[in-house]
């Protein structure tokens, strides 16, 4: 999945059972697309997490920054809703590999 989004919130650094750094955040995407020949505004917020090398990169973006996030979707631990696992970040400064 590839998502152009704004970084809305950043949580506190935590560690996975394997000892890797993890950081929860929330992203907001807004765009306009064509559907059935008509323009449609798209606006959504999604919970996300970055694990490992991407943690410092995400922190360096700062809340409010726009970036291109790549990764994959999976269900949350409680089975309610989805979470976007970020594996790559491209923004105005350095990027992490996906």
PDB file of N, CA and C in Angstrom:
ATOM      1  N   UNK A   1       0.847  -1.168   0.000  1.00  0.00           N
ATOM      2  CA  UNK A   1       0.000   0.000   0.000  1.00  0.00           C
ATOM      3  C   UNK A   1       0.896   1.234   0.000  1.00  0.00           C
ATOM      4  N   UNK A   2       0.485   2.240  -0.738  1.00  0.00           N
ATOM      5  CA  UNK A   2       1.184   3.518  -0.785  1.00  0.00           C
ATOM      6  C   UNK A   2       0.176   4.599  -0.428  1.00  0.00           C
ATOM      7  N   UNK A   3       0.525   5.477   0.496  1.00  0.00           N
ATOM      8  CA  UNK A   3      -0.406   6.483   0.983  1.00  0.00           C
ATOM      9  C   UNK A   3       0.298   7.811   1.178  1.00  0.00           C
ATOM     10  N   UNK A   4      -0.168   8.847   0.489  1.00  0.00           N
ATOM     11  CA  UNK A   4       0.290  10.216   0.718  1.00  0.00           C
ATOM     12  C   UNK A   4      -0.541  10.726   1.883  1.00  0.00           C
ATOM     13  N   UNK A   5       0.105  11.110   2.985  1.00  0.00           N
ATOM     14  CA  UNK A   5      -0.649  11.476   4.178  1.00  0.00           C
ATOM     15  C   UNK A   5       0.105  12.471   5.042  1.00  0.00           C
ATOM     16  N   UNK A   6      -0.657  13.061   5.964  1.00  0.00           N
ATOM     17  CA  UNK A   6      -0.112  13.979   6.953  1.00  0.00           C
ATOM     18  C   UNK A   6       0.012  13.226   8.272  1.00  0.00           C
ATOM     19  N   UNK A   7       1.110  13.433   8.970  1.00  0.00           N
ATOM     20  CA  UNK A   7       1.322  12.825  10.274  1.00  0.00           C
ATOM     21  C   UNK A   7       0.529  13.621  11.310  1.00  0.00           C
ATOM     22  N   UNK A   8      -0.500  12.985  11.882  1.00  0.00           N
ATOM     23  CA  UNK A   8      -1.375  13.679  12.837  1.00  0.00           C
ATOM     24  C   UNK A   8      -0.906  13.567  14.277  1.00  0.00           C
ATOM     25  N   UNK A   9      -0.552  12.359  14.689  1.00  0.00           N
ATOM     26  CA  UNK A   9      -0.147  12.116  16.074  1.00  0.00           C
ATOM     27  C   UNK A   9       1.002  11.116  16.102  1.00  0.00           C
ATOM     28  N   UNK A  10       1.838  11.252  17.113  1.00  0.00           N
ATOM     29  CA  UNK A  10       2.930  10.303  17.315  1.00  0.00           C
ATOM     30  C   UNK A  10       2.914   9.911  18.788  1.00  0.00           C
ATOM     31  N   UNK A  11       2.947   8.615  19.055  1.00  0.00           N
ATOM     32  CA  UNK A  11       2.952   8.117  20.428  1.00  0.00           C
ATOM     33  C   UNK A  11       4.354   8.070  20.999  1.00  0.00           C
ATOM     34  N   UNK A  12       4.487   7.321  22.079  1.00  0.00           N
ATOM     35  CA  UNK A  12       5.788   7.138  22.720  1.00  0.00           C
ATOM     36  C   UNK A  12       6.458   5.889  22.169  1.00  0.00           C
ATOM     37  N   UNK A  13       7.772   5.920  22.114  1.00  0.00           N
ATOM     38  CA  UNK A  13       8.525   4.757  21.641  1.00  0.00           C
ATOM     39  C   UNK A  13       8.296   3.607  22.624  1.00  0.00           C
ATOM     40  N   UNK A  14       8.059   2.433  22.076  1.00  0.00           N
ATOM     41  CA  UNK A  14       7.922   1.221  22.875  1.00  0.00           C
ATOM     42  C   UNK A  14       8.780   0.154  22.216  1.00  0.00           C
ATOM     43  N   UNK A  15       8.831  -1.018  22.815  1.00  0.00           N
ATOM     44  CA  UNK A  15       9.645  -2.105  22.273  1.00  0.00           C
ATOM     45  C   UNK A  15       8.791  -3.346  22.081  1.00  0.00           C
ATOM     46  N   UNK A  16       8.997  -4.030  20.963  1.00  0.00           N
ATOM     47  CA  UNK A  16       8.293  -5.278  20.684  1.00  0.00           C
ATOM     48  C   UNK A  16       8.882  -6.386  21.554  1.00  0.00           C
ATOM     49  N   UNK A  17       8.198  -7.525  21.674  1.00  0.00           N
ATOM     50  CA  UNK A  17       8.770  -8.645  22.425  1.00  0.00           C
ATOM     51  C   UNK A  17      10.138  -9.075  21.889  1.00  0.00           C
ATOM     52  N   UNK A  18      10.406  -8.812  20.609  1.00  0.00           N
ATOM     53  CA  UNK A  18      11.702  -9.157  20.012  1.00  0.00           C
ATOM     54  C   UNK A  18      12.765  -8.091  20.287  1.00  0.00           C
ATOM     55  N   UNK A  19      12.391  -7.021  21.007  1.00  0.00           N
ATOM     56  CA  UNK A  19      13.351  -5.978  21.355  1.00  0.00           C
ATOM     57  C   UNK A  19      13.508  -4.884  20.322  1.00  0.00           C
ATOM     58  N   UNK A  20      12.644  -4.837  19.301  1.00  0.00           N
ATOM     59  CA  UNK A  20      12.720  -3.789  18.280  1.00  0.00           C
ATOM     60  C   UNK A  20      11.928  -2.561  18.719  1.00  0.00           C
ATOM     61  N   UNK A  21      12.435  -1.367  18.383  1.00  0.00           N
ATOM     62  CA  UNK A  21      11.692  -0.142  18.671  1.00  0.00           C
ATOM     63  C   UNK A  21      10.432  -0.115  17.815  1.00  0.00           C
ATOM     64  N   UNK A  22       9.342   0.398  18.396  1.00  0.00           N
ATOM     65  CA  UNK A  22       8.082   0.546  17.673  1.00  0.00           C
ATOM     66  C   UNK A  22       7.469   1.879  18.058  1.00  0.00           C
ATOM     67  N   UNK A  23       6.759   2.482  17.106  1.00  0.00           N
ATOM     68  CA  UNK A  23       6.145   3.781  17.340  1.00  0.00           C
ATOM     69  C   UNK A  23       4.775   3.807  16.682  1.00  0.00           C
ATOM     70  N   UNK A  24       3.745   4.039  17.494  1.00  0.00           N
ATOM     71  CA  UNK A  24       2.382   4.154  16.978  1.00  0.00           C
ATOM     72  C   UNK A  24       2.136   5.589  16.560  1.00  0.00           C
ATOM     73  N   UNK A  25       1.323   5.748  15.529  1.00  0.00           N
ATOM     74  CA  UNK A  25       0.992   7.089  15.052  1.00  0.00           C
ATOM     75  C   UNK A  25      -0.361   7.061  14.365  1.00  0.00           C
ATOM     76  N   UNK A  26      -0.808   8.219  13.954  1.00  0.00           N
ATOM     77  CA  UNK A  26      -2.025   8.286  13.162  1.00  0.00           C
ATOM     78  C   UNK A  26      -1.773   9.205  11.972  1.00  0.00           C
ATOM     79  N   UNK A  27      -2.336   8.815  10.831  1.00  0.00           N
ATOM     80  CA  UNK A  27      -2.131   9.516   9.561  1.00  0.00           C
ATOM     81  C   UNK A  27      -3.464  10.015   9.015  1.00  0.00           C
ATOM     82  N   UNK A  28      -3.422  11.119   8.272  1.00  0.00           N
ATOM     83  CA  UNK A  28      -4.629  11.646   7.621  1.00  0.00           C
ATOM     84  C   UNK A  28      -4.346  11.826   6.133  1.00  0.00           C
ATOM     85  N   UNK A  29      -5.237  11.272   5.314  1.00  0.00           N
ATOM     86  CA  UNK A  29      -5.123  11.377   3.860  1.00  0.00           C
ATOM     87  C   UNK A  29      -6.331  12.143   3.330  1.00  0.00           C
ATOM     88  N   UNK A  30      -6.080  13.070   2.410  1.00  0.00           N
ATOM     89  CA  UNK A  30      -7.144  13.786   1.707  1.00  0.00           C
ATOM     90  C   UNK A  30      -6.763  13.895   0.246  1.00  0.00           C
ATOM     91  N   UNK A  31      -7.736  13.619  -0.623  1.00  0.00           N
ATOM     92  CA  UNK A  31      -7.492  13.748  -2.056  1.00  0.00           C
ATOM     93  C   UNK A  31      -8.828  13.827  -2.776  1.00  0.00           C
ATOM     94  N   UNK A  32      -8.737  13.975  -4.090  1.00  0.00           N
ATOM     95  CA  UNK A  32      -9.928  13.936  -4.935  1.00  0.00           C
ATOM     96  C   UNK A  32      -9.678  12.921  -6.031  1.00  0.00           C
ATOM     97  N   UNK A  33     -10.635  12.029  -6.252  1.00  0.00           N
ATOM     98  CA  UNK A  33     -10.520  10.974  -7.251  1.00  0.00           C
ATOM     99  C   UNK A  33     -11.751  10.994  -8.153  1.00  0.00           C
ATOM    100  N   UNK A  34     -11.681  10.238  -9.235  1.00  0.00           N
ATOM    101  CA  UNK A  34     -12.829  10.069 -10.121  1.00  0.00           C
ATOM    102  C   UNK A  34     -13.494   8.740  -9.804  1.00  0.00           C
ATOM    103  N   UNK A  35     -14.813   8.776  -9.629  1.00  0.00           N
ATOM    104  CA  UNK A  35     -15.576   7.550  -9.414  1.00  0.00           C
ATOM    105  C   UNK A  35     -16.851   7.644 -10.248  1.00  0.00           C
ATOM    106  N   UNK A  36     -17.029   6.664 -11.119  1.00  0.00           N
ATOM    107  CA  UNK A  36     -18.192   6.638 -12.016  1.00  0.00           C
ATOM    108  C   UNK A  36     -18.298   7.937 -12.802  1.00  0.00           C
ATOM    109  N   UNK A  37     -17.132   8.461 -13.228  1.00  0.00           N
ATOM    110  CA  UNK A  37     -17.114   9.658 -14.059  1.00  0.00           C
ATOM    111  C   UNK A  37     -17.335  10.960 -13.314  1.00  0.00           C
ATOM    112  N   UNK A  38     -17.390  10.926 -12.008  1.00  0.00           N
ATOM    113  CA  UNK A  38     -17.619  12.130 -11.212  1.00  0.00           C
ATOM    114  C   UNK A  38     -16.503  12.297 -10.170  1.00  0.00           C
ATOM    115  N   UNK A  39     -16.187  13.551  -9.846  1.00  0.00           N
ATOM    116  CA  UNK A  39     -15.163  13.771  -8.818  1.00  0.00           C
ATOM    117  C   UNK A  39     -15.703  13.414  -7.435  1.00  0.00           C
ATOM    118  N   UNK A  40     -14.836  12.854  -6.632  1.00  0.00           N
ATOM    119  CA  UNK A  40     -15.222  12.498  -5.263  1.00  0.00           C
ATOM    120  C   UNK A  40     -14.083  12.872  -4.319  1.00  0.00           C
ATOM    121  N   UNK A  41     -14.423  13.573  -3.222  1.00  0.00           N
ATOM    122  CA  UNK A  41     -13.434  13.909  -2.204  1.00  0.00           C
ATOM    123  C   UNK A  41     -13.245  12.703  -1.300  1.00  0.00           C
ATOM    124  N   UNK A  42     -11.986  12.400  -1.008  1.00  0.00           N
ATOM    125  CA  UNK A  42     -11.651  11.300  -0.123  1.00  0.00           C
ATOM    126  C   UNK A  42     -10.926  11.880   1.080  1.00  0.00           C
ATOM    127  N   UNK A  43     -11.368  11.527   2.271  1.00  0.00           N
ATOM    128  CA  UNK A  43     -10.721  11.970   3.500  1.00  0.00           C
ATOM    129  C   UNK A  43     -10.796  10.828   4.500  1.00  0.00           C
ATOM    130  N   UNK A  44      -9.646  10.457   5.066  1.00  0.00           N
ATOM    131  CA  UNK A  44      -9.638   9.362   6.029  1.00  0.00           C
ATOM    132  C   UNK A  44      -8.486   9.518   7.004  1.00  0.00           C
ATOM    133  N   UNK A  45      -8.669   8.935   8.187  1.00  0.00           N
ATOM    134  CA  UNK A  45      -7.606   8.839   9.168  1.00  0.00           C
ATOM    135  C   UNK A  45      -7.382   7.361   9.423  1.00  0.00           C
ATOM    136  N   UNK A  46      -6.119   6.986   9.633  1.00  0.00           N
ATOM    137  CA  UNK A  46      -5.794   5.585   9.867  1.00  0.00           C
ATOM    138  C   UNK A  46      -4.708   5.486  10.935  1.00  0.00           C
ATOM    139  N   UNK A  47      -4.860   4.489  11.803  1.00  0.00           N
ATOM    140  CA  UNK A  47      -3.819   4.205  12.794  1.00  0.00           C
ATOM    141  C   UNK A  47      -2.684   3.480  12.091  1.00  0.00           C
ATOM    142  N   UNK A  48      -1.470   3.782  12.514  1.00  0.00           N
ATOM    143  CA  UNK A  48      -0.297   3.180  11.871  1.00  0.00           C
ATOM    144  C   UNK A  48       0.762   2.873  12.916  1.00  0.00           C
ATOM    145  N   UNK A  49       1.714   2.029  12.526  1.00  0.00           N
ATOM    146  CA  UNK A  49       2.854   1.706  13.373  1.00  0.00           C
ATOM    147  C   UNK A  49       4.084   1.552  12.493  1.00  0.00           C
ATOM    148  N   UNK A  50       5.225   1.973  13.004  1.00  0.00           N
ATOM    149  CA  UNK A  50       6.499   1.749  12.331  1.00  0.00           C
ATOM    150  C   UNK A  50       7.394   1.017  13.323  1.00  0.00           C
ATOM    151  N   UNK A  51       8.105   0.014  12.827  1.00  0.00           N
ATOM    152  CA  UNK A  51       8.944  -0.824  13.679  1.00  0.00           C
ATOM    153  C   UNK A  51      10.374  -0.818  13.146  1.00  0.00           C
ATOM    154  N   UNK A  52      11.338  -0.704  14.055  1.00  0.00           N
ATOM    155  CA  UNK A  52      12.741  -0.782  13.654  1.00  0.00           C
ATOM    156  C   UNK A  52      13.305   0.535  13.172  1.00  0.00           C
ATOM    157  N   UNK A  53      14.044   0.468  12.055  1.00  0.00           N
ATOM    158  CA  UNK A  53      14.775   1.621  11.523  1.00  0.00           C
ATOM    159  C   UNK A  53      13.904   2.834  11.216  1.00  0.00           C
ATOM    160  N   UNK A  54      12.649   2.645  10.919  1.00  0.00           N
ATOM    161  CA  UNK A  54      11.775   3.751  10.552  1.00  0.00           C
ATOM    162  C   UNK A  54      11.354   4.637  11.705  1.00  0.00           C
ATOM    163  N   UNK A  55      11.551   4.188  12.943  1.00  0.00           N
ATOM    164  CA  UNK A  55      11.106   4.961  14.106  1.00  0.00           C
ATOM    165  C   UNK A  55      11.753   6.344  14.126  1.00  0.00           C
ATOM    166  N   UNK A  56      13.059   6.405  13.986  1.00  0.00           N
ATOM    167  CA  UNK A  56      13.750   7.706  14.032  1.00  0.00           C
ATOM    168  C   UNK A  56      13.351   8.586  12.855  1.00  0.00           C
ATOM    169  N   UNK A  57      13.141   7.981  11.705  1.00  0.00           N
ATOM    170  CA  UNK A  57      12.721   8.740  10.523  1.00  0.00           C
ATOM    171  C   UNK A  57      11.346   9.364  10.758  1.00  0.00           C
ATOM    172  N   UNK A  58      10.426   8.584  11.319  1.00  0.00           N
ATOM    173  CA  UNK A  58       9.087   9.102  11.590  1.00  0.00           C
ATOM    174  C   UNK A  58       9.153  10.235  12.611  1.00  0.00           C
ATOM    175  N   UNK A  59       9.943  10.067  13.644  1.00  0.00           N
ATOM    176  CA  UNK A  59      10.093  11.115  14.652  1.00  0.00           C
ATOM    177  C   UNK A  59      10.658  12.397  14.046  1.00  0.00           C
ATOM    178  N   UNK A  60      11.565  12.259  13.083  1.00  0.00           N
ATOM    179  CA  UNK A  60      12.186  13.441  12.482  1.00  0.00           C
ATOM    180  C   UNK A  60      11.218  14.222  11.598  1.00  0.00           C
ATOM    181  N   UNK A  61      10.154  13.568  11.132  1.00  0.00           N
ATOM    182  CA  UNK A  61       9.170  14.274  10.309  1.00  0.00           C
ATOM    183  C   UNK A  61       8.462  15.351  11.104  1.00  0.00           C
ATOM    184  N   UNK A  62       8.028  15.020  12.289  1.00  0.00           N
ATOM    185  CA  UNK A  62       7.280  15.964  13.111  1.00  0.00           C
ATOM    186  C   UNK A  62       5.799  15.963  12.761  1.00  0.00           C
ATOM    187  N   UNK A  63       4.977  16.197  13.766  1.00  0.00           N
ATOM    188  CA  UNK A  63       3.529  16.239  13.585  1.00  0.00           C
ATOM    189  C   UNK A  63       3.178  17.343  12.593  1.00  0.00           C
ATOM    190  N   UNK A  64       2.278  17.042  11.674  1.00  0.00           N
ATOM    191  CA  UNK A  64       1.844  17.993  10.652  1.00  0.00           C
ATOM    192  C   UNK A  64       2.550  17.824   9.324  1.00  0.00           C
ATOM    193  N   UNK A  65       3.643  17.065   9.304  1.00  0.00           N
ATOM    194  CA  UNK A  65       4.405  16.879   8.067  1.00  0.00           C
ATOM    195  C   UNK A  65       3.662  15.964   7.094  1.00  0.00           C
ATOM    196  N   UNK A  66       3.844  16.226   5.809  1.00  0.00           N
ATOM    197  CA  UNK A  66       3.306  15.379   4.741  1.00  0.00           C
ATOM    198  C   UNK A  66       4.413  14.466   4.260  1.00  0.00           C
ATOM    199  N   UNK A  67       4.055  13.221   3.936  1.00  0.00           N
ATOM    200  CA  UNK A  67       5.041  12.270   3.412  1.00  0.00           C
ATOM    201  C   UNK A  67       4.316  11.192   2.622  1.00  0.00           C
ATOM    202  N   UNK A  68       5.102  10.411   1.904  1.00  0.00           N
ATOM    203  CA  UNK A  68       4.595   9.257   1.171  1.00  0.00           C
ATOM    204  C   UNK A  68       4.982   8.024   1.982  1.00  0.00           C
ATOM    205  N   UNK A  69       3.973   7.319   2.482  1.00  0.00           N
ATOM    206  CA  UNK A  69       4.182   6.151   3.334  1.00  0.00           C
ATOM    207  C   UNK A  69       3.889   4.890   2.533  1.00  0.00           C
ATOM    208  N   UNK A  70       4.752   3.895   2.654  1.00  0.00           N
ATOM    209  CA  UNK A  70       4.504   2.593   2.026  1.00  0.00           C
ATOM    210  C   UNK A  70       4.461   1.554   3.140  1.00  0.00           C
ATOM    211  N   UNK A  71       3.737   0.466   2.884  1.00  0.00           N
ATOM    212  CA  UNK A  71       3.629  -0.581   3.885  1.00  0.00           C
ATOM    213  C   UNK A  71       2.503  -1.538   3.552  1.00  0.00           C
ATOM    214  N   UNK A  72       1.915  -2.106   4.609  1.00  0.00           N
ATOM    215  CA  UNK A  72       0.839  -3.081   4.421  1.00  0.00           C
ATOM    216  C   UNK A  72      -0.199  -2.932   5.528  1.00  0.00           C
ATOM    217  N   UNK A  73      -1.410  -3.416   5.244  1.00  0.00           N
ATOM    218  CA  UNK A  73      -2.506  -3.375   6.207  1.00  0.00           C
ATOM    219  C   UNK A  73      -2.659  -4.727   6.883  1.00  0.00           C
ATOM    220  N   UNK A  74      -3.013  -4.699   8.156  1.00  0.00           N
ATOM    221  CA  UNK A  74      -3.340  -5.916   8.895  1.00  0.00           C
ATOM    222  C   UNK A  74      -4.383  -5.559   9.948  1.00  0.00           C
ATOM    223  N   UNK A  75      -4.987  -6.568  10.563  1.00  0.00           N
ATOM    224  CA  UNK A  75      -5.972  -6.299  11.609  1.00  0.00           C
ATOM    225  C   UNK A  75      -5.264  -5.944  12.910  1.00  0.00           C
ATOM    226  N   UNK A  76      -5.939  -5.162  13.731  1.00  0.00           N
ATOM    227  CA  UNK A  76      -5.403  -4.831  15.041  1.00  0.00           C
ATOM    228  C   UNK A  76      -5.449  -6.066  15.927  1.00  0.00           C
ATOM    229  N   UNK A  77      -4.678  -6.044  16.996  1.00  0.00           N
ATOM    230  CA  UNK A  77      -4.606  -7.201  17.894  1.00  0.00           C
ATOM    231  C   UNK A  77      -5.977  -7.636  18.401  1.00  0.00           C
ATOM    232  N   UNK A  78      -6.851  -6.686  18.689  1.00  0.00           N
ATOM    233  CA  UNK A  78      -8.171  -7.025  19.209  1.00  0.00           C
ATOM    234  C   UNK A  78      -9.141  -7.454  18.099  1.00  0.00           C
ATOM    235  N   UNK A  79      -8.682  -7.433  16.848  1.00  0.00           N
ATOM    236  CA  UNK A  79      -9.514  -7.862  15.730  1.00  0.00           C
ATOM    237  C   UNK A  79     -10.495  -6.821  15.239  1.00  0.00           C
ATOM    238  N   UNK A  80     -10.471  -5.637  15.824  1.00  0.00           N
ATOM    239  CA  UNK A  80     -11.403  -4.567  15.424  1.00  0.00           C
ATOM    240  C   UNK A  80     -10.644  -3.490  14.666  1.00  0.00           C
ATOM    241  N   UNK A  81     -10.920  -3.367  13.403  1.00  0.00           N
ATOM    242  CA  UNK A  81     -10.264  -2.345  12.607  1.00  0.00           C
ATOM    243  C   UNK A  81      -8.950  -2.817  12.002  1.00  0.00           C
ATOM    244  N   UNK A  82      -8.330  -1.903  11.267  1.00  0.00           N
ATOM    245  CA  UNK A  82      -7.068  -2.217  10.604  1.00  0.00           C
ATOM    246  C   UNK A  82      -5.978  -1.281  11.100  1.00  0.00           C
ATOM    247  N   UNK A  83      -4.750  -1.701  10.886  1.00  0.00           N
ATOM    248  CA  UNK A  83      -3.594  -0.870  11.208  1.00  0.00           C
ATOM    249  C   UNK A  83      -2.627  -0.941  10.033  1.00  0.00           C
ATOM    250  N   UNK A  84      -2.060   0.198   9.696  1.00  0.00           N
ATOM    251  CA  UNK A  84      -1.126   0.329   8.589  1.00  0.00           C
ATOM    252  C   UNK A  84       0.286   0.176   9.144  1.00  0.00           C
ATOM    253  N   UNK A  85       0.991  -0.875   8.743  1.00  0.00           N
ATOM    254  CA  UNK A  85       2.386  -1.082   9.144  1.00  0.00           C
ATOM    255  C   UNK A  85       3.270  -0.369   8.123  1.00  0.00           C
ATOM    256  N   UNK A  86       3.932   0.685   8.546  1.00  0.00           N
ATOM    257  CA  UNK A  86       4.769   1.494   7.667  1.00  0.00           C
ATOM    258  C   UNK A  86       6.121   0.812   7.489  1.00  0.00           C
ATOM    259  N   UNK A  87       6.491   0.585   6.236  1.00  0.00           N
ATOM    260  CA  UNK A  87       7.806  -0.004   5.941  1.00  0.00           C
ATOM    261  C   UNK A  87       8.707   0.964   5.173  1.00  0.00           C
ATOM    262  N   UNK A  88       8.159   2.064   4.697  1.00  0.00           N
ATOM    263  CA  UNK A  88       8.944   3.054   3.971  1.00  0.00           C
ATOM    264  C   UNK A  88       8.337   4.433   4.127  1.00  0.00           C
ATOM    265  N   UNK A  89       9.198   5.448   4.205  1.00  0.00           N
ATOM    266  CA  UNK A  89       8.757   6.839   4.330  1.00  0.00           C
ATOM    267  C   UNK A  89       9.574   7.687   3.376  1.00  0.00           C
ATOM    268  N   UNK A  90       8.902   8.434   2.533  1.00  0.00           N
ATOM    269  CA  UNK A  90       9.583   9.389   1.654  1.00  0.00           C
ATOM    270  C   UNK A  90       8.996  10.752   1.923  1.00  0.00           C
ATOM    271  N   UNK A  91       9.849  11.705   2.250  1.00  0.00           N
ATOM    272  CA  UNK A  91       9.390  13.050   2.553  1.00  0.00           C
ATOM    273  C   UNK A  91      10.391  14.052   2.063  1.00  0.00           C
ATOM    274  N   UNK A  92      10.418  15.201   2.733  1.00  0.00           N
ATOM    275  CA  UNK A  92      11.300  16.278   2.300  1.00  0.00           C
ATOM    276  C   UNK A  92      12.752  16.057   2.682  1.00  0.00           C
ATOM    277  N   UNK A  93      13.016  15.098   3.607  1.00  0.00           N
ATOM    278  CA  UNK A  93      14.407  14.805   3.936  1.00  0.00           C
ATOM    279  C   UNK A  93      14.692  13.338   3.629  1.00  0.00           C
ATOM    280  N   UNK A  94      15.639  12.721   4.292  1.00  0.00           N
ATOM    281  CA  UNK A  94      16.033  11.348   3.996  1.00  0.00           C
ATOM    282  C   UNK A  94      14.850  10.384   4.055  1.00  0.00           C
ATOM    283  N   UNK A  95      14.945   9.266   3.348  1.00  0.00           N
ATOM    284  CA  UNK A  95      13.882   8.275   3.378  1.00  0.00           C
ATOM    285  C   UNK A  95      14.440   6.940   3.823  1.00  0.00           C
ATOM    286  N   UNK A  96      13.537   6.090   4.380  1.00  0.00           N
ATOM    287  CA  UNK A  96      13.956   4.746   4.740  1.00  0.00           C
ATOM    288  C   UNK A  96      13.579   3.818   3.620  1.00  0.00           C
ATOM    289  N   UNK A  97      14.316   2.757   3.473  1.00  0.00           N
ATOM    290  CA  UNK A  97      14.029   1.784   2.417  1.00  0.00           C
ATOM    291  C   UNK A  97      12.795   0.979   2.789  1.00  0.00           C
ATOM    292  N   UNK A  98      12.047   0.568   1.771  1.00  0.00           N
ATOM    293  CA  UNK A  98      10.872  -0.247   2.040  1.00  0.00           C
ATOM    294  C   UNK A  98      11.175  -1.709   1.830  1.00  0.00           C
TER     295      UNK A  98
END
